[in-house]
Amino acid sequence: MTGARPALSRRLRLMGIAISLSAASLLASVPASARGPDGIADIAEKVIDSVVNISTSQTVEAKGGGGREAMPQLPPGSPFEEFFDDFFKNRRGGSPKGGDKSGEMPTPRKTNSLGSGFIIDASGVVVTNNHVIADADEINVIMNDGTKIKAELVGVDKKTDIAVLKFKPVKPLVAVKFGDSDKLRLGEWVIAIGNPFSLGGSVTAGIVSARNRDISQGPYDNYIQTDASINRGNSGGPLFNLEGEVVGVNTLIISPTGGSIGLGFAVPSKTVAGVVDQLRQFGELRRGWLGVRIQQVTDEIAESLNIKPARGALVAGVDDKGPAKPAGIEPGDVVVKFDGKDVKDPKDLSRVVADTAVGKEVDVVIIRKGKEESRKVTLGRLEDTEKVQQAAAKTKEDPAEKPVTQKALGLDLAALSKDLRTKYKIKDSVKGVIVTGVDGNSDAAEKRLSAGDVIVEVAQEAVTNAADIKKRVDQLKKDGKKSVLLLVSNGDGELRFVALSVQ
């Protein structure tokens, strides 16, 4: 037995060598892209001169005095007033009242900030973030070799946080091209180049962690999420794929410390390219407009509308002057396809409509009462100056007469009277049954129905009194329905759909 152990040991060593060699052979057969981004250095060297720093200056009014400290505000006649007068006058060499020796107001001062950008045209066209240059009095582009050139603003789009600049180059420039962000896959390597913490051009790498992220920053959120290190100052810088193409513009991070924790977000190149084209052509964005208010199709709403599975964008209201009105689109319709593109949720519809050319005729597929129908719509132009309507404030004045109420779905319901219209500021154009009270433990309270809301339709049929609602709810219960779909209006006539449990 003792003689077998060295032999066994030798055999194990030989097996270990064989296994190691096999592993090495297997590793050698794996593509380089699967082992990691071996070409980062080559890509960085190729594109680094296209990445620039953006330096801005802004004049702001001095607050609390022209010096480093402000004169404390003391009551007239305070025993410390004379002491502070002398101290601040000597310290700043000026008036204790916040001005200079002549008694003038504090002079404005300049603040500076730094961000990133990248060249997309050798004639001197640069893309960056709007927040990098917002409110700037002067914008300068700093090249990779340190050359500083004054730039002019071509246009901005606040909703996607994109800005385009133009400058006159003093020597030939390196420009980069946009890639197709739609082709990005989860886990794919990407490279971020920018100006973190104003240190100058820096290269970091990571992977695509997620796509189409909606983090409630704007109406067209569809960010690329990456774990490539992105910090303050990287804003406006490019996110490259391994082909050296720009697939995103690094825009923001989520961090409790202000530094990278692996949650960086970039506007995808597909969005950026369209915005840049319009800014260069028109100096502004000209987005498509459908003229509808939309909301999420929840599972309860989908069940009420016989839509399986829950999908699309539910039309809650139609603008009387919008393109959807003459096309025959109505509240209660669910848009599931727009111009050949599937609509999974309201954000999908908002993005695809905005990206569609103004004046284009498109096919819109809707579901109405369980059946698919198609409508042709000629898009209008979305005006950025649209007024945001707000619900009128509700008063607490008592009505002259106590309304006759009836309970259903955890709601106290009453016919719309002149007194109730006055109390809750309901416009004369709003028709239906008013909610005068809500059971705090009901599904209606959870769905945020409140006194002053007006129920216009129940199960897509108009109602005029509380008895109508109770009758229809009772019928739905008999039919085995789990929920009922209500069309609800506020005092200004703004509509929304709410699905309530009838069980």
Protein backbone atom coordinates (compact mmCIF):
# COMPACT_ATOMS: atom_id res chain seq x y z
CA MET A 1 0.00 0.00 0.00
CA THR A 2 2.83 2.34 0.86
CA GLY A 3 4.42 1.77 -2.53
CA ALA A 4 1.20 2.69 -4.32
CA ARG A 5 0.93 6.16 -2.82
CA PRO A 6 3.79 7.77 -4.76
CA ALA A 7 2.48 6.24 -7.95
CA LEU A 8 -1.01 7.52 -7.19
CA SER A 9 0.44 10.91 -6.42
CA ARG A 10 2.29 10.94 -9.74
CA ARG A 11 -0.90 9.91 -11.53
CA LEU A 12 -2.85 12.70 -9.82
CA ARG A 13 -0.15 15.21 -10.78
CA LEU A 14 -0.28 14.01 -14.36
CA MET A 15 -4.09 14.25 -14.31
CA GLY A 16 -3.82 17.76 -12.90
CA ILE A 17 -1.48 18.75 -15.71
CA ALA A 18 -3.83 17.21 -18.24
CA ILE A 19 -6.80 19.02 -16.77
CA SER A 20 -4.87 22.29 -16.76
CA LEU A 21 -3.82 21.80 -20.36
CA SER A 22 -7.39 20.94 -21.32
CA ALA A 23 -8.64 24.05 -19.58
CA ALA A 24 -6.01 26.12 -21.33
CA SER A 25 -7.01 24.65 -24.67
CA LEU A 26 -10.66 25.36 -23.91
CA LEU A 27 -9.83 28.95 -22.89
CA ALA A 28 -7.83 29.43 -26.06
CA SER A 29 -10.82 28.33 -28.10
CA VAL A 30 -13.13 30.88 -26.45
CA PRO A 31 -13.50 34.13 -28.43
CA ALA A 32 -11.68 37.13 -26.99
CA SER A 33 -14.97 39.01 -26.56
CA ALA A 34 -16.18 36.29 -24.17
CA ARG A 35 -13.08 36.67 -21.94
CA GLY A 36 -13.35 40.45 -21.75
CA PRO A 37 -12.89 43.58 -23.84
CA ASP A 38 -9.29 43.07 -24.94
CA GLY A 39 -9.57 45.90 -27.49
CA ILE A 40 -10.41 48.71 -25.06
CA ALA A 41 -7.00 50.34 -25.41
CA ASP A 42 -7.24 50.33 -29.22
CA ILE A 43 -10.75 51.79 -29.15
CA ALA A 44 -9.82 54.45 -26.59
CA GLU A 45 -6.80 55.47 -28.65
CA LYS A 46 -8.99 55.69 -31.75
CA VAL A 47 -11.76 57.88 -30.28
CA ILE A 48 -10.15 59.80 -27.39
CA ASP A 49 -9.52 62.93 -29.49
CA SER A 50 -13.23 63.14 -30.33
CA VAL A 51 -14.13 63.53 -26.65
CA VAL A 52 -13.96 67.08 -25.31
CA ASN A 53 -14.41 68.91 -22.04
CA ILE A 54 -17.14 71.53 -21.85
CA SER A 55 -16.28 74.57 -19.74
CA THR A 56 -19.02 77.08 -18.94
CA SER A 57 -19.20 80.31 -16.98
CA GLN A 58 -22.24 82.01 -15.59
CA THR A 59 -22.72 85.38 -13.93
CA VAL A 60 -24.69 85.21 -10.70
CA GLU A 61 -25.68 87.89 -8.26
CA ALA A 62 -23.69 88.04 -5.05
CA LYS A 63 -25.74 87.25 -1.97
CA GLY A 64 -25.26 88.78 1.42
CA GLY A 65 -22.35 91.04 0.50
CA GLY A 66 -19.50 91.33 -1.95
CA GLY A 67 -16.94 89.57 0.28
CA ARG A 68 -16.54 86.12 1.68
CA GLU A 69 -18.92 86.71 4.54
CA ALA A 70 -22.16 88.59 4.93
CA MET A 71 -22.83 91.18 7.60
CA PRO A 72 -25.06 89.59 10.28
CA GLN A 73 -28.55 91.07 10.37
CA LEU A 74 -28.80 92.80 13.75
CA PRO A 75 -31.63 94.87 15.21
CA PRO A 76 -31.05 98.68 15.05
CA GLY A 77 -29.40 99.89 18.24
CA SER A 78 -28.01 96.45 19.12
CA PRO A 79 -24.96 96.68 21.42
CA PHE A 80 -23.04 94.51 18.92
CA GLU A 81 -23.92 96.66 15.91
CA GLU A 82 -20.92 98.98 16.21
CA PHE A 83 -18.55 96.04 16.82
CA PHE A 84 -19.71 94.18 13.70
CA ASP A 85 -19.64 97.40 11.66
CA ASP A 86 -15.97 97.87 12.45
CA PHE A 87 -15.09 94.20 12.04
CA PHE A 88 -16.69 93.73 8.62
CA LYS A 89 -15.51 97.11 7.33
CA ASN A 90 -11.91 96.33 8.21
CA ARG A 91 -12.14 92.70 7.08
CA ARG A 92 -13.53 93.46 3.65
CA GLY A 93 -12.32 97.00 3.17
CA GLY A 94 -15.83 98.07 2.31
CA SER A 95 -19.22 99.01 3.61
CA PRO A 96 -20.72 96.82 6.36
CA LYS A 97 -24.01 96.97 4.56
CA GLY A 98 -22.82 94.55 1.89
CA GLY A 99 -21.58 97.02 -0.72
CA ASP A 100 -18.27 98.72 -1.43
CA LYS A 101 -16.93 101.91 0.13
CA SER A 102 -19.22 104.04 -2.00
CA GLY A 103 -22.29 102.21 -0.66
CA GLU A 104 -23.09 100.43 -3.93
CA MET A 105 -24.70 96.99 -4.09
CA PRO A 106 -22.44 93.86 -4.28
CA THR A 107 -21.01 93.20 -7.74
CA PRO A 108 -22.07 90.02 -9.55
CA ARG A 109 -19.60 87.15 -9.59
CA LYS A 110 -18.85 84.39 -12.09
CA THR A 111 -19.17 80.66 -11.49
CA ASN A 112 -17.57 77.96 -13.61
CA SER A 113 -18.48 74.35 -14.28
CA LEU A 114 -17.08 71.50 -16.33
CA GLY A 115 -18.73 68.64 -18.18
CA SER A 116 -18.10 66.43 -21.18
CA GLY A 117 -19.08 66.22 -24.83
CA PHE A 118 -18.07 64.61 -28.12
CA ILE A 119 -17.54 65.67 -31.73
CA ILE A 120 -19.95 64.22 -34.30
CA ASP A 121 -18.93 66.34 -37.28
CA ALA A 122 -15.41 67.42 -38.26
CA SER A 123 -16.79 70.90 -39.02
CA GLY A 124 -17.01 71.43 -35.25
CA VAL A 125 -20.36 70.04 -34.07
CA VAL A 126 -20.45 68.79 -30.47
CA VAL A 127 -23.12 66.89 -28.52
CA THR A 128 -23.45 67.23 -24.74
CA ASN A 129 -26.14 67.38 -22.04
CA ASN A 130 -28.44 70.37 -21.71
CA HIS A 131 -27.80 70.54 -17.96
CA VAL A 132 -24.07 70.94 -18.64
CA ILE A 133 -24.57 74.24 -20.49
CA ALA A 134 -27.89 75.45 -19.04
CA ASP A 135 -27.95 79.19 -18.24
CA ALA A 136 -24.29 79.59 -19.30
CA ASP A 137 -23.10 83.03 -20.41
CA GLU A 138 -20.05 81.56 -22.11
CA ILE A 139 -19.29 78.05 -23.39
CA ASN A 140 -15.84 76.76 -24.28
CA VAL A 141 -14.76 73.45 -25.78
CA ILE A 142 -11.46 72.09 -24.47
CA MET A 143 -9.79 69.59 -26.79
CA ASN A 144 -7.86 66.56 -25.64
CA ASP A 145 -4.59 68.41 -26.23
CA GLY A 146 -5.75 71.33 -24.06
CA THR A 147 -6.76 73.70 -26.87
CA LYS A 148 -9.64 75.92 -25.70
CA ILE A 149 -12.15 77.26 -28.25
CA LYS A 150 -15.29 79.33 -27.72
CA ALA A 151 -18.49 77.53 -28.76
CA GLU A 152 -21.98 78.64 -29.73
CA LEU A 153 -25.24 76.97 -28.79
CA VAL A 154 -27.12 75.43 -31.72
CA GLY A 155 -30.13 74.15 -29.77
CA VAL A 156 -31.30 72.20 -26.73
CA ASP A 157 -33.98 69.66 -25.88
CA LYS A 158 -34.78 69.73 -22.18
CA LYS A 159 -36.99 66.64 -22.30
CA THR A 160 -34.11 64.38 -23.33
CA ASP A 161 -31.40 66.60 -21.78
CA ILE A 162 -29.48 66.93 -25.06
CA ALA A 163 -27.68 70.01 -26.40
CA VAL A 164 -25.77 70.67 -29.63
CA LEU A 165 -22.85 73.12 -29.84
CA LYS A 166 -20.85 74.51 -32.74
CA PHE A 167 -17.28 75.86 -32.83
CA LYS A 168 -14.67 76.78 -35.42
CA PRO A 169 -11.83 74.23 -35.39
CA VAL A 170 -8.24 75.43 -35.55
CA LYS A 171 -7.00 72.07 -36.85
CA PRO A 172 -8.50 68.82 -38.29
CA LEU A 173 -10.87 67.09 -35.90
CA VAL A 174 -11.69 63.48 -35.11
CA ALA A 175 -15.45 62.83 -35.30
CA VAL A 176 -17.34 59.75 -34.14
CA LYS A 177 -20.49 58.11 -35.45
CA PHE A 178 -23.65 56.96 -33.73
CA GLY A 179 -24.16 53.21 -33.44
CA ASP A 180 -27.48 51.35 -33.09
CA SER A 181 -28.42 51.30 -29.42
CA ASP A 182 -31.31 48.94 -30.20
CA LYS A 183 -28.76 46.21 -30.92
CA LEU A 184 -27.18 46.41 -27.47
CA ARG A 185 -27.48 43.24 -25.44
CA LEU A 186 -27.47 42.80 -21.68
CA GLY A 187 -23.94 42.02 -20.56
CA GLU A 188 -22.34 43.64 -23.61
CA TRP A 189 -19.17 45.63 -22.89
CA VAL A 190 -19.30 49.41 -23.23
CA ILE A 191 -16.74 52.16 -22.70
CA ALA A 192 -17.36 55.57 -21.10
CA ILE A 193 -15.03 58.50 -21.74
CA GLY A 194 -15.46 61.84 -20.01
CA ASN A 195 -14.24 64.39 -17.50
CA PRO A 196 -14.99 62.99 -14.01
CA PHE A 197 -14.48 65.44 -11.15
CA SER A 198 -12.89 67.85 -13.68
CA LEU A 199 -9.75 65.70 -13.79
CA GLY A 200 -9.61 65.55 -17.59
CA GLY A 201 -10.26 62.78 -20.09
CA SER A 202 -10.75 59.40 -18.37
CA VAL A 203 -11.67 55.99 -19.77
CA THR A 204 -13.77 53.45 -17.88
CA ALA A 205 -15.41 50.21 -18.98
CA GLY A 206 -18.34 48.10 -17.87
CA ILE A 207 -21.30 46.20 -19.19
CA VAL A 208 -24.86 47.04 -20.18
CA SER A 209 -26.79 46.26 -17.01
CA ALA A 210 -30.27 47.03 -18.38
CA ARG A 211 -32.08 48.71 -21.24
CA ASN A 212 -35.21 50.86 -21.52
CA ARG A 213 -34.94 52.05 -17.93
CA ASP A 214 -37.66 54.47 -16.81
CA ILE A 215 -36.44 56.37 -13.76
CA SER A 216 -39.04 59.15 -13.94
CA GLN A 217 -36.66 61.84 -15.20
CA GLY A 218 -38.81 62.82 -18.18
CA PRO A 219 -41.67 61.78 -20.48
CA TYR A 220 -39.41 59.82 -22.84
CA ASP A 221 -37.23 57.85 -20.41
CA ASN A 222 -35.60 54.77 -21.96
CA TYR A 223 -32.11 54.90 -20.49
CA ILE A 224 -29.28 52.44 -20.95
CA GLN A 225 -28.06 51.38 -17.50
CA THR A 226 -24.36 50.57 -17.17
CA ASP A 227 -21.92 49.75 -14.40
CA ALA A 228 -19.06 51.55 -16.17
CA SER A 229 -17.77 54.13 -13.68
CA ILE A 230 -19.56 57.42 -14.32
CA ASN A 231 -19.08 60.31 -11.92
CA ARG A 232 -19.70 64.05 -11.69
CA GLY A 233 -18.26 65.67 -14.77
CA ASN A 234 -18.99 62.69 -17.02
CA SER A 235 -22.31 64.27 -18.00
CA GLY A 236 -22.56 64.72 -21.76
CA GLY A 237 -19.76 62.27 -22.49
CA PRO A 238 -20.12 59.35 -24.91
CA LEU A 239 -20.79 55.69 -24.19
CA PHE A 240 -19.06 53.57 -26.85
CA ASN A 241 -19.57 50.01 -28.01
CA LEU A 242 -16.58 47.82 -28.93
CA GLU A 243 -16.80 49.08 -32.51
CA GLY A 244 -15.97 52.60 -31.38
CA GLU A 245 -19.50 53.83 -32.11
CA VAL A 246 -21.47 56.08 -29.74
CA VAL A 247 -24.41 54.11 -28.35
CA GLY A 248 -25.39 56.56 -25.62
CA VAL A 249 -24.80 59.90 -23.90
CA ASN A 250 -23.89 59.56 -20.22
CA THR A 251 -26.40 61.70 -18.39
CA LEU A 252 -26.86 60.84 -14.73
CA ILE A 253 -26.03 58.50 -11.88
CA ILE A 254 -27.88 57.26 -8.83
CA SER A 255 -25.60 57.55 -5.81
CA PRO A 256 -25.95 58.39 -2.11
CA THR A 257 -22.35 59.65 -2.06
CA GLY A 258 -22.06 61.53 -5.36
CA GLY A 259 -19.58 58.96 -6.69
CA SER A 260 -20.14 55.93 -8.90
CA ILE A 261 -21.77 52.89 -7.28
CA GLY A 262 -22.36 51.13 -10.58
CA LEU A 263 -25.67 52.81 -11.44
CA GLY A 264 -25.04 55.03 -14.44
CA PHE A 265 -27.57 55.98 -17.09
CA ALA A 266 -27.14 57.04 -20.70
CA VAL A 267 -29.61 58.37 -23.26
CA PRO A 268 -29.60 55.77 -26.09
CA SER A 269 -28.09 56.80 -29.42
CA LYS A 270 -31.32 56.10 -31.28
CA THR A 271 -33.01 58.87 -29.28
CA VAL A 272 -30.00 61.19 -29.39
CA ALA A 273 -29.46 60.90 -33.15
CA GLY A 274 -33.03 61.99 -33.93
CA VAL A 275 -32.86 64.88 -31.48
CA VAL A 276 -29.50 66.05 -32.84
CA ASP A 277 -30.73 65.94 -36.44
CA GLN A 278 -33.69 68.19 -35.59
CA LEU A 279 -31.63 70.59 -33.49
CA ARG A 280 -29.13 70.98 -36.32
CA GLN A 281 -31.89 71.42 -38.89
CA PHE A 282 -34.41 73.56 -36.99
CA GLY A 283 -32.69 74.66 -33.78
CA GLU A 284 -35.61 73.09 -31.89
CA LEU A 285 -37.56 69.85 -31.55
CA ARG A 286 -40.67 69.20 -33.63
CA ARG A 287 -42.35 66.22 -32.04
CA GLY A 288 -45.44 64.38 -33.23
CA TRP A 289 -48.73 64.89 -31.35
CA LEU A 290 -51.66 62.50 -31.16
CA GLY A 291 -53.89 64.61 -28.91
CA VAL A 292 -54.85 62.03 -26.26
CA ARG A 293 -54.36 61.60 -22.54
CA ILE A 294 -53.33 58.07 -21.68
CA GLN A 295 -52.92 55.86 -18.65
CA GLN A 296 -51.69 52.41 -17.69
CA VAL A 297 -53.76 49.31 -18.48
CA THR A 298 -53.77 47.51 -15.13
CA ASP A 299 -54.78 43.88 -14.75
CA GLU A 300 -58.15 45.00 -13.36
CA ILE A 301 -58.77 47.39 -16.26
CA ALA A 302 -57.69 44.70 -18.74
CA GLU A 303 -60.17 42.27 -17.21
CA SER A 304 -62.96 44.83 -17.45
CA LEU A 305 -62.14 45.52 -21.12
CA ASN A 306 -61.64 41.84 -22.07
CA ILE A 307 -57.98 42.42 -22.99
CA LYS A 308 -55.63 39.49 -22.49
CA PRO A 309 -52.85 39.96 -21.57
CA ALA A 310 -52.84 43.47 -20.10
CA ARG A 311 -51.03 45.74 -22.56
CA GLY A 312 -51.25 49.00 -24.49
CA ALA A 313 -52.11 52.56 -23.53
CA LEU A 314 -55.63 53.36 -22.34
CA VAL A 315 -57.09 56.55 -23.81
CA ALA A 316 -58.53 58.50 -20.87
CA GLY A 317 -59.31 61.65 -22.83
CA VAL A 318 -59.23 63.10 -26.34
CA ASP A 319 -58.31 66.69 -27.15
CA ASP A 320 -61.11 68.34 -29.13
CA LYS A 321 -58.55 70.06 -31.35
CA GLY A 322 -56.17 67.11 -31.63
CA PRO A 323 -55.53 64.68 -34.51
CA ALA A 324 -57.11 61.71 -32.69
CA LYS A 325 -60.59 63.31 -32.57
CA PRO A 326 -61.36 63.34 -36.32
CA ALA A 327 -59.80 59.88 -36.63
CA GLY A 328 -62.52 58.48 -34.38
CA ILE A 329 -60.40 57.56 -31.36
CA GLU A 330 -62.45 57.72 -28.15
CA PRO A 331 -61.94 57.49 -24.37
CA GLY A 332 -61.89 53.82 -23.42
CA ASP A 333 -59.95 52.76 -26.52
CA VAL A 334 -56.68 50.94 -25.88
CA VAL A 335 -53.85 51.68 -28.31
CA VAL A 336 -51.86 48.47 -28.91
CA LYS A 337 -49.98 49.38 -32.08
CA PHE A 338 -48.81 52.66 -33.60
CA ASP A 339 -47.31 52.98 -37.08
CA GLY A 340 -46.50 49.28 -37.11
CA LYS A 341 -44.82 49.31 -33.69
CA ASP A 342 -46.21 47.40 -30.72
CA VAL A 343 -47.31 49.51 -27.75
CA LYS A 344 -46.79 47.68 -24.46
CA ASP A 345 -47.45 50.61 -22.11
CA PRO A 346 -48.12 54.37 -22.13
CA LYS A 347 -44.39 55.24 -22.24
CA ASP A 348 -44.04 53.24 -25.46
CA LEU A 349 -46.81 55.28 -27.07
CA SER A 350 -45.40 58.61 -25.84
CA ARG A 351 -41.97 57.82 -27.27
CA VAL A 352 -43.09 56.48 -30.64
CA VAL A 353 -45.53 59.37 -31.22
CA ALA A 354 -42.87 61.94 -30.30
CA ASP A 355 -40.37 60.32 -32.68
CA THR A 356 -42.81 60.31 -35.62
CA ALA A 357 -42.65 63.12 -38.16
CA VAL A 358 -45.23 65.89 -37.88
CA GLY A 359 -47.85 65.58 -40.65
CA LYS A 360 -47.26 61.88 -41.24
CA GLU A 361 -50.34 59.67 -41.68
CA VAL A 362 -50.06 56.56 -39.54
CA ASP A 363 -52.13 53.49 -38.75
CA VAL A 364 -53.22 53.24 -35.12
CA VAL A 365 -54.54 49.87 -33.91
CA ILE A 366 -56.94 50.08 -30.96
CA ILE A 367 -58.98 47.63 -28.93
CA ARG A 368 -62.57 48.74 -28.47
CA LYS A 369 -64.98 46.56 -26.51
CA GLY A 370 -62.74 43.56 -26.92
CA LYS A 371 -62.19 43.88 -30.68
CA GLU A 372 -59.24 45.25 -32.63
CA GLU A 373 -59.90 48.15 -34.98
CA SER A 374 -57.61 50.33 -37.08
CA ARG A 375 -57.68 54.11 -37.45
CA LYS A 376 -55.67 56.42 -39.71
CA VAL A 377 -54.31 59.52 -37.97
CA THR A 378 -52.38 62.47 -39.39
CA LEU A 379 -50.07 63.64 -36.60
CA GLY A 380 -49.98 67.22 -35.43
CA ARG A 381 -47.09 68.99 -33.70
CA LEU A 382 -46.59 68.86 -29.94
CA GLU A 383 -46.19 72.34 -28.52
CA ASP A 384 -43.78 72.61 -25.56
CA THR A 385 -45.84 75.54 -24.29
CA GLU A 386 -48.82 73.31 -23.52
CA LYS A 387 -50.48 74.43 -20.33
CA VAL A 388 -50.60 71.83 -17.58
CA GLN A 389 -54.12 71.77 -16.27
CA GLN A 390 -54.55 71.40 -12.55
CA ALA A 391 -57.56 70.26 -10.63
CA ALA A 392 -59.49 73.07 -9.03
CA ALA A 393 -59.16 73.34 -5.26
CA LYS A 394 -62.12 71.99 -3.35
CA THR A 395 -63.85 74.17 -0.80
CA LYS A 396 -65.41 73.10 2.47
CA GLU A 397 -68.58 75.16 2.28
CA ASP A 398 -71.74 73.36 3.21
CA PRO A 399 -74.38 73.00 0.49
CA ALA A 400 -77.66 74.82 0.88
CA GLU A 401 -79.53 71.51 0.77
CA LYS A 402 -78.36 68.10 1.94
CA PRO A 403 -78.06 65.89 -1.16
CA VAL A 404 -79.86 62.55 -1.41
CA THR A 405 -77.08 59.95 -1.47
CA GLN A 406 -76.88 56.25 -2.23
CA LYS A 407 -74.02 53.87 -1.43
CA ALA A 408 -72.20 51.64 -3.96
CA LEU A 409 -68.60 50.40 -4.25
CA GLY A 410 -67.73 52.10 -0.97
CA LEU A 411 -68.85 55.46 -2.38
CA ASP A 412 -71.52 57.94 -1.34
CA LEU A 413 -73.14 58.98 -4.62
CA ALA A 414 -75.55 61.79 -5.50
CA ALA A 415 -77.06 63.45 -8.54
CA LEU A 416 -75.23 66.57 -9.68
CA SER A 417 -77.10 69.61 -8.40
CA LYS A 418 -76.34 73.30 -8.67
CA ASP A 419 -75.30 73.38 -5.02
CA LEU A 420 -72.91 70.45 -5.43
CA ARG A 421 -71.41 71.97 -8.57
CA THR A 422 -70.75 75.17 -6.62
CA LYS A 423 -69.33 73.37 -3.59
CA TYR A 424 -66.88 71.21 -5.57
CA LYS A 425 -66.36 73.66 -8.47
CA ILE A 426 -67.66 71.28 -11.12
CA LYS A 427 -67.89 72.75 -14.61
CA ASP A 428 -71.29 72.74 -16.28
CA SER A 429 -69.90 70.61 -19.12
CA VAL A 430 -69.21 67.71 -16.73
CA LYS A 431 -72.07 65.20 -16.61
CA GLY A 432 -72.56 62.17 -14.39
CA VAL A 433 -72.92 61.18 -10.72
CA ILE A 434 -70.88 62.97 -8.07
CA VAL A 435 -68.97 61.28 -5.24
CA THR A 436 -69.76 62.96 -1.92
CA GLY A 437 -67.93 60.55 0.35
CA VAL A 438 -65.53 57.57 0.29
CA ASP A 439 -65.25 54.66 2.74
CA GLY A 440 -61.66 54.79 3.99
CA ASN A 441 -61.37 50.98 3.98
CA SER A 442 -62.70 50.52 0.45
CA ASP A 443 -60.97 49.76 -2.84
CA ALA A 444 -62.18 53.18 -4.00
CA ALA A 445 -60.12 54.90 -1.29
CA GLU A 446 -57.07 52.85 -2.25
CA LYS A 447 -57.53 53.95 -5.88
CA ARG A 448 -57.65 57.58 -4.65
CA LEU A 449 -61.23 58.42 -5.49
CA SER A 450 -62.38 61.37 -3.42
CA ALA A 451 -65.34 63.63 -2.79
CA GLY A 452 -65.86 65.90 -5.78
CA ASP A 453 -64.98 63.26 -8.39
CA VAL A 454 -67.71 62.63 -10.94
CA ILE A 455 -68.49 59.16 -12.32
CA VAL A 456 -69.26 59.61 -16.01
CA GLU A 457 -69.47 55.98 -17.17
CA VAL A 458 -69.79 52.54 -15.62
CA ALA A 459 -68.60 49.64 -17.78
CA GLN A 460 -68.38 52.09 -20.72
CA GLU A 461 -72.03 53.17 -20.41
CA ALA A 462 -73.06 56.69 -19.36
CA VAL A 463 -74.75 57.16 -15.98
CA THR A 464 -76.94 60.00 -14.76
CA ASN A 465 -77.95 58.95 -11.25
CA ALA A 466 -76.77 56.79 -8.34
CA ALA A 467 -79.45 54.16 -9.00
CA ASP A 468 -77.94 53.53 -12.45
CA ILE A 469 -74.56 52.80 -10.89
CA LYS A 470 -75.94 50.45 -8.22
CA LYS A 471 -78.02 48.58 -10.78
CA ARG A 472 -75.07 48.03 -13.12
CA VAL A 473 -72.74 46.99 -10.33
CA ASP A 474 -75.30 44.42 -9.11
CA GLN A 475 -75.59 43.05 -12.65
CA LEU A 476 -71.82 42.71 -12.99
CA LYS A 477 -71.74 40.75 -9.74
CA LYS A 478 -74.38 38.35 -11.09
CA ASP A 479 -72.35 37.96 -14.28
CA GLY A 480 -69.35 36.88 -12.21
CA LYS A 481 -67.21 39.92 -12.99
CA LYS A 482 -64.43 40.68 -10.52
CA SER A 483 -64.18 44.39 -11.22
CA VAL A 484 -66.02 47.30 -12.80
CA LEU A 485 -64.45 49.98 -14.97
CA LEU A 486 -65.39 53.56 -14.11
CA LEU A 487 -64.73 56.66 -16.21
CA VAL A 488 -64.11 59.41 -13.67
CA SER A 489 -63.86 63.16 -14.20
CA ASN A 490 -62.51 65.90 -11.99
CA GLY A 491 -64.11 69.34 -11.73
CA ASP A 492 -62.30 70.62 -14.83
CA GLY A 493 -63.46 67.74 -17.00
CA GLU A 494 -60.19 65.78 -17.03
CA LEU A 495 -60.97 62.09 -17.35
CA ARG A 496 -59.32 58.94 -16.05
CA PHE A 497 -60.30 55.27 -15.83
CA VAL A 498 -60.48 53.47 -12.49
CA ALA A 499 -61.17 49.74 -12.01
CA LEU A 500 -62.86 48.86 -8.69
CA SER A 501 -63.46 45.42 -7.21
CA VAL A 502 -67.13 44.41 -7.10
CA GLN A 503 -66.61 41.40 -4.87
